[in-house]
Amino acid sequence: MIEELISRWGYLGVAVGTFFEGETVLVVGGTLAHKGLMSLSGVALSAFMGSLLGDQLWFLIGRRFGVRMLATRPRWRAQTERAGRLASRWGDVFVVGFRFVWGLRNVSPLVLAVSGYSWRRFAVLNTVGAALWAVAISSLGWIAGAGVVKVLGRAARLEEIGVALVVVAVGILALRRHFRPRRSQV
């Protein structure tokens, strides 16, 4: 039953998970690929598409609403300042690599858009970054899968239950994070 669910919805789950954030979802996808429940190239491609589309959307939102969004979300201030410093210091390298820096993935496209960074340049460099990230992190999941299989040996049922619990937990955490009500400023 779990295998059927994963084979039917796994790639969409990876794409949706990486659209919003993604490292954990992608590692789980790579682990499932190692077990033969998904293909590693399919996991990487799904992650690439989800990540690319999510970051492009954040960039477009940043162009349209970025200044107002950053002003109304003080919790993002530290991340915004950090992303701004890194972007001005590293330029194009930052655009390719921001998704590898934990906590900066969603705010970076927004900051770059607000700063007037070229949409075309962002699209090209973001595509390169999304491809590198998807391959690297899904490969880490594949390697982690090798460790899981070695440690658990023949406990296939236990692995399926564990993977299912991780997938459900990641989904709940991602949904909770993105749909949590904003705290009003007092």
C-alpha atoms as a PDB file:
ATOM      1  CA  MET A   1       0.000   0.000   0.000  1.00  0.00           C
ATOM      2  CA  ILE A   2       2.758   2.488   0.936  1.00  0.00           C
ATOM      3  CA  GLU A   3       4.702   1.559  -2.193  1.00  0.00           C
ATOM      4  CA  GLU A   4       1.634   2.190  -4.337  1.00  0.00           C
ATOM      5  CA  LEU A   5       1.039   5.611  -2.735  1.00  0.00           C
ATOM      6  CA  ILE A   6       4.673   6.587  -3.156  1.00  0.00           C
ATOM      7  CA  SER A   7       4.886   5.382  -6.741  1.00  0.00           C
ATOM      8  CA  ARG A   8       1.663   7.211  -7.610  1.00  0.00           C
ATOM      9  CA  TRP A   9       2.142  10.509  -5.740  1.00  0.00           C
ATOM     10  CA  GLY A  10       5.842  10.554  -4.780  1.00  0.00           C
ATOM     11  CA  TYR A  11       7.139  12.839  -7.522  1.00  0.00           C
ATOM     12  CA  LEU A  12       4.320  15.331  -7.051  1.00  0.00           C
ATOM     13  CA  GLY A  13       5.026  15.289  -3.305  1.00  0.00           C
ATOM     14  CA  VAL A  14       8.699  16.035  -3.938  1.00  0.00           C
ATOM     15  CA  ALA A  15       7.797  18.876  -6.332  1.00  0.00           C
ATOM     16  CA  VAL A  16       5.301  20.424  -3.912  1.00  0.00           C
ATOM     17  CA  GLY A  17       7.634  20.008  -0.928  1.00  0.00           C
ATOM     18  CA  THR A  18      10.542  21.640  -2.727  1.00  0.00           C
ATOM     19  CA  PHE A  19       8.276  24.402  -4.025  1.00  0.00           C
ATOM     20  CA  PHE A  20       7.879  25.554  -0.417  1.00  0.00           C
ATOM     21  CA  GLU A  21      11.211  24.617   1.182  1.00  0.00           C
ATOM     22  CA  GLY A  22      12.422  21.173   0.481  1.00  0.00           C
ATOM     23  CA  GLU A  23      15.653  19.811   1.926  1.00  0.00           C
ATOM     24  CA  THR A  24      13.966  17.205   4.097  1.00  0.00           C
ATOM     25  CA  VAL A  25      11.495  16.213   1.392  1.00  0.00           C
ATOM     26  CA  LEU A  26      14.324  15.866  -1.095  1.00  0.00           C
ATOM     27  CA  VAL A  27      16.464  13.751   1.223  1.00  0.00           C
ATOM     28  CA  VAL A  28      13.467  11.465   1.832  1.00  0.00           C
ATOM     29  CA  GLY A  29      12.904  11.292  -1.943  1.00  0.00           C
ATOM     30  CA  GLY A  30      16.536  10.301  -2.491  1.00  0.00           C
ATOM     31  CA  THR A  31      16.228   7.667   0.221  1.00  0.00           C
ATOM     32  CA  LEU A  32      13.116   6.260  -1.452  1.00  0.00           C
ATOM     33  CA  ALA A  33      14.989   6.218  -4.766  1.00  0.00           C
ATOM     34  CA  HIS A  34      17.714   4.140  -3.156  1.00  0.00           C
ATOM     35  CA  LYS A  35      15.075   1.669  -2.025  1.00  0.00           C
ATOM     36  CA  GLY A  36      13.788   1.451  -5.592  1.00  0.00           C
ATOM     37  CA  LEU A  37      10.426   3.076  -4.831  1.00  0.00           C
ATOM     38  CA  MET A  38      11.261   6.096  -7.006  1.00  0.00           C
ATOM     39  CA  SER A  39      13.937   6.875  -9.570  1.00  0.00           C
ATOM     40  CA  LEU A  40      16.741   9.185  -8.480  1.00  0.00           C
ATOM     41  CA  SER A  41      16.517  11.144 -11.745  1.00  0.00           C
ATOM     42  CA  GLY A  42      12.746  11.522 -11.263  1.00  0.00           C
ATOM     43  CA  VAL A  43      13.260  12.772  -7.704  1.00  0.00           C
ATOM     44  CA  ALA A  44      15.928  15.244  -8.836  1.00  0.00           C
ATOM     45  CA  LEU A  45      13.797  16.464 -11.751  1.00  0.00           C
ATOM     46  CA  SER A  46      10.746  16.915  -9.503  1.00  0.00           C
ATOM     47  CA  ALA A  47      12.851  18.817  -6.964  1.00  0.00           C
ATOM     48  CA  PHE A  48      14.379  20.970  -9.695  1.00  0.00           C
ATOM     49  CA  MET A  49      10.943  21.941 -11.021  1.00  0.00           C
ATOM     50  CA  GLY A  50       9.455  22.582  -7.575  1.00  0.00           C
ATOM     51  CA  SER A  51      12.415  24.632  -6.398  1.00  0.00           C
ATOM     52  CA  LEU A  52      12.727  26.612  -9.614  1.00  0.00           C
ATOM     53  CA  LEU A  53       9.036  27.469  -9.780  1.00  0.00           C
ATOM     54  CA  GLY A  54       8.859  28.358  -6.088  1.00  0.00           C
ATOM     55  CA  ASP A  55      11.826  30.709  -6.273  1.00  0.00           C
ATOM     56  CA  GLN A  56      10.604  32.331  -9.490  1.00  0.00           C
ATOM     57  CA  LEU A  57       7.236  32.925  -7.835  1.00  0.00           C
ATOM     58  CA  TRP A  58       8.898  34.479  -4.771  1.00  0.00           C
ATOM     59  CA  PHE A  59      10.906  36.733  -7.091  1.00  0.00           C
ATOM     60  CA  LEU A  60       7.769  37.884  -8.901  1.00  0.00           C
ATOM     61  CA  ILE A  61       5.969  38.426  -5.591  1.00  0.00           C
ATOM     62  CA  GLY A  62       8.999  40.422  -4.457  1.00  0.00           C
ATOM     63  CA  ARG A  63       8.758  42.655  -7.514  1.00  0.00           C
ATOM     64  CA  ARG A  64       5.132  43.387  -6.867  1.00  0.00           C
ATOM     65  CA  PHE A  65       4.736  43.297  -3.071  1.00  0.00           C
ATOM     66  CA  GLY A  66       8.251  42.896  -1.643  1.00  0.00           C
ATOM     67  CA  VAL A  67       8.735  46.224   0.100  1.00  0.00           C
ATOM     68  CA  ARG A  68       5.352  45.982   1.805  1.00  0.00           C
ATOM     69  CA  MET A  69       5.833  42.303   2.730  1.00  0.00           C
ATOM     70  CA  LEU A  70       9.229  42.898   4.300  1.00  0.00           C
ATOM     71  CA  ALA A  71       7.898  45.894   6.236  1.00  0.00           C
ATOM     72  CA  THR A  72       5.050  43.847   7.726  1.00  0.00           C
ATOM     73  CA  ARG A  73       7.131  40.795   8.659  1.00  0.00           C
ATOM     74  CA  PRO A  74       9.713  41.779  11.260  1.00  0.00           C
ATOM     75  CA  ARG A  75      10.643  38.116  11.792  1.00  0.00           C
ATOM     76  CA  TRP A  76      12.105  38.161   8.277  1.00  0.00           C
ATOM     77  CA  ARG A  77      14.312  41.175   9.061  1.00  0.00           C
ATOM     78  CA  ALA A  78      17.396  39.209  10.170  1.00  0.00           C
ATOM     79  CA  GLN A  79      17.129  36.839   7.198  1.00  0.00           C
ATOM     80  CA  THR A  80      16.589  39.782   4.854  1.00  0.00           C
ATOM     81  CA  GLU A  81      19.623  41.631   6.173  1.00  0.00           C
ATOM     82  CA  ARG A  82      21.775  38.501   5.947  1.00  0.00           C
ATOM     83  CA  ALA A  83      20.597  37.755   2.397  1.00  0.00           C
ATOM     84  CA  GLY A  84      21.218  41.367   1.390  1.00  0.00           C
ATOM     85  CA  ARG A  85      24.774  41.320   2.759  1.00  0.00           C
ATOM     86  CA  LEU A  86      25.564  38.027   1.046  1.00  0.00           C
ATOM     87  CA  ALA A  87      24.011  39.168  -2.247  1.00  0.00           C
ATOM     88  CA  SER A  88      26.013  42.373  -2.339  1.00  0.00           C
ATOM     89  CA  ARG A  89      29.227  40.584  -1.414  1.00  0.00           C
ATOM     90  CA  TRP A  90      28.894  37.537  -3.687  1.00  0.00           C
ATOM     91  CA  GLY A  91      26.593  38.787  -6.488  1.00  0.00           C
ATOM     92  CA  ASP A  92      25.756  36.126  -9.056  1.00  0.00           C
ATOM     93  CA  VAL A  93      27.388  33.366  -7.007  1.00  0.00           C
ATOM     94  CA  PHE A  94      24.845  34.123  -4.265  1.00  0.00           C
ATOM     95  CA  VAL A  95      21.962  33.699  -6.724  1.00  0.00           C
ATOM     96  CA  VAL A  96      23.243  30.264  -7.729  1.00  0.00           C
ATOM     97  CA  GLY A  97      23.924  29.169  -4.145  1.00  0.00           C
ATOM     98  CA  PHE A  98      21.396  30.811  -1.807  1.00  0.00           C
ATOM     99  CA  ARG A  99      19.283  27.654  -1.604  1.00  0.00           C
ATOM    100  CA  PHE A 100      22.251  25.860  -0.038  1.00  0.00           C
ATOM    101  CA  VAL A 101      22.238  28.329   2.904  1.00  0.00           C
ATOM    102  CA  TRP A 102      19.645  27.194   5.424  1.00  0.00           C
ATOM    103  CA  GLY A 103      17.026  29.825   6.267  1.00  0.00           C
ATOM    104  CA  LEU A 104      17.596  32.000   3.199  1.00  0.00           C
ATOM    105  CA  ARG A 105      15.845  30.123   0.439  1.00  0.00           C
ATOM    106  CA  ASN A 106      12.448  31.840   0.457  1.00  0.00           C
ATOM    107  CA  VAL A 107      13.549  35.327   1.436  1.00  0.00           C
ATOM    108  CA  SER A 108      16.475  35.584  -1.026  1.00  0.00           C
ATOM    109  CA  PRO A 109      14.434  35.828  -4.247  1.00  0.00           C
ATOM    110  CA  LEU A 110      12.251  38.429  -2.543  1.00  0.00           C
ATOM    111  CA  VAL A 111      15.279  40.485  -1.434  1.00  0.00           C
ATOM    112  CA  LEU A 112      16.872  40.247  -4.866  1.00  0.00           C
ATOM    113  CA  ALA A 113      13.631  41.399  -6.511  1.00  0.00           C
ATOM    114  CA  VAL A 114      13.264  44.362  -4.148  1.00  0.00           C
ATOM    115  CA  SER A 115      16.875  45.362  -4.820  1.00  0.00           C
ATOM    116  CA  GLY A 116      16.165  45.620  -8.560  1.00  0.00           C
ATOM    117  CA  TYR A 117      18.090  42.524  -9.616  1.00  0.00           C
ATOM    118  CA  SER A 118      17.414  41.661 -13.267  1.00  0.00           C
ATOM    119  CA  TRP A 119      14.550  39.178 -13.708  1.00  0.00           C
ATOM    120  CA  ARG A 120      16.225  37.546 -16.722  1.00  0.00           C
ATOM    121  CA  ARG A 121      19.544  37.175 -14.944  1.00  0.00           C
ATOM    122  CA  PHE A 122      17.782  35.770 -11.881  1.00  0.00           C
ATOM    123  CA  ALA A 123      15.874  33.265 -14.041  1.00  0.00           C
ATOM    124  CA  VAL A 124      19.055  31.952 -15.669  1.00  0.00           C
ATOM    125  CA  LEU A 125      21.135  31.759 -12.481  1.00  0.00           C
ATOM    126  CA  ASN A 126      18.208  30.385 -10.480  1.00  0.00           C
ATOM    127  CA  THR A 127      17.836  27.593 -13.051  1.00  0.00           C
ATOM    128  CA  VAL A 128      21.506  26.669 -12.623  1.00  0.00           C
ATOM    129  CA  GLY A 129      21.226  26.818  -8.824  1.00  0.00           C
ATOM    130  CA  ALA A 130      18.031  24.742  -8.742  1.00  0.00           C
ATOM    131  CA  ALA A 131      19.631  22.051 -10.912  1.00  0.00           C
ATOM    132  CA  LEU A 132      22.788  21.862  -8.778  1.00  0.00           C
ATOM    133  CA  TRP A 133      20.770  21.805  -5.552  1.00  0.00           C
ATOM    134  CA  ALA A 134      18.332  19.129  -6.758  1.00  0.00           C
ATOM    135  CA  VAL A 135      21.106  16.794  -7.863  1.00  0.00           C
ATOM    136  CA  ALA A 136      23.267  17.371  -4.766  1.00  0.00           C
ATOM    137  CA  ILE A 137      20.553  16.989  -2.130  1.00  0.00           C
ATOM    138  CA  SER A 138      18.755  14.070  -3.799  1.00  0.00           C
ATOM    139  CA  SER A 139      22.151  12.335  -4.027  1.00  0.00           C
ATOM    140  CA  LEU A 140      22.638  12.894  -0.294  1.00  0.00           C
ATOM    141  CA  GLY A 141      19.266  11.221   0.212  1.00  0.00           C
ATOM    142  CA  TRP A 142      20.415   8.319  -1.973  1.00  0.00           C
ATOM    143  CA  ILE A 143      23.546   7.962   0.174  1.00  0.00           C
ATOM    144  CA  ALA A 144      21.445   8.198   3.351  1.00  0.00           C
ATOM    145  CA  GLY A 145      19.203   5.506   1.887  1.00  0.00           C
ATOM    146  CA  ALA A 146      22.196   3.225   1.541  1.00  0.00           C
ATOM    147  CA  GLY A 147      22.907   3.713   5.236  1.00  0.00           C
ATOM    148  CA  VAL A 148      19.291   3.101   6.197  1.00  0.00           C
ATOM    149  CA  VAL A 149      19.156  -0.130   4.199  1.00  0.00           C
ATOM    150  CA  LYS A 150      22.439  -1.316   5.696  1.00  0.00           C
ATOM    151  CA  VAL A 151      21.374  -0.561   9.265  1.00  0.00           C
ATOM    152  CA  LEU A 152      17.864  -1.959   9.052  1.00  0.00           C
ATOM    153  CA  GLY A 153      18.707  -4.890   6.834  1.00  0.00           C
ATOM    154  CA  ARG A 154      15.594  -6.920   6.164  1.00  0.00           C
ATOM    155  CA  ALA A 155      13.183  -4.871   8.270  1.00  0.00           C
ATOM    156  CA  ALA A 156      11.330  -3.649   5.161  1.00  0.00           C
ATOM    157  CA  ARG A 157       8.021  -3.198   6.923  1.00  0.00           C
ATOM    158  CA  LEU A 158       9.605  -1.057   9.621  1.00  0.00           C
ATOM    159  CA  GLU A 159      11.317   1.062   6.956  1.00  0.00           C
ATOM    160  CA  GLU A 160       8.049   1.648   5.127  1.00  0.00           C
ATOM    161  CA  ILE A 161       6.324   2.748   8.296  1.00  0.00           C
ATOM    162  CA  GLY A 162       9.235   5.046   9.192  1.00  0.00           C
ATOM    163  CA  VAL A 163       9.353   6.590   5.736  1.00  0.00           C
ATOM    164  CA  ALA A 164       5.594   7.101   5.767  1.00  0.00           C
ATOM    165  CA  LEU A 165       5.805   8.807   9.165  1.00  0.00           C
ATOM    166  CA  VAL A 166       8.635  11.060   7.992  1.00  0.00           C
ATOM    167  CA  VAL A 167       6.746  12.026   4.825  1.00  0.00           C
ATOM    168  CA  VAL A 168       3.590  12.803   6.813  1.00  0.00           C
ATOM    169  CA  ALA A 169       5.535  14.771   9.453  1.00  0.00           C
ATOM    170  CA  VAL A 170       7.384  16.793   6.820  1.00  0.00           C
ATOM    171  CA  GLY A 171       4.126  17.550   5.043  1.00  0.00           C
ATOM    172  CA  ILE A 172       2.439  18.684   8.254  1.00  0.00           C
ATOM    173  CA  LEU A 173       5.403  20.858   9.247  1.00  0.00           C
ATOM    174  CA  ALA A 174       5.603  22.443   5.800  1.00  0.00           C
ATOM    175  CA  LEU A 175       1.872  23.187   5.745  1.00  0.00           C
ATOM    176  CA  ARG A 176       1.953  24.516   9.286  1.00  0.00           C
ATOM    177  CA  ARG A 177       4.893  26.782   8.532  1.00  0.00           C
ATOM    178  CA  HIS A 178       3.363  28.280   5.424  1.00  0.00           C
ATOM    179  CA  PHE A 179      -0.197  28.646   6.671  1.00  0.00           C
ATOM    180  CA  ARG A 180       0.532  29.796  10.217  1.00  0.00           C
ATOM    181  CA  PRO A 181      -1.284  33.057  10.998  1.00  0.00           C
ATOM    182  CA  ARG A 182       0.887  36.138  11.166  1.00  0.00           C
ATOM    183  CA  ARG A 183       1.308  37.712  14.535  1.00  0.00           C
ATOM    184  CA  SER A 184       0.056  41.269  14.629  1.00  0.00           C
ATOM    185  CA  GLN A 185       2.491  43.957  15.627  1.00  0.00           C
ATOM    186  CA  VAL A 186       1.731  45.716  18.875  1.00  0.00           C
END
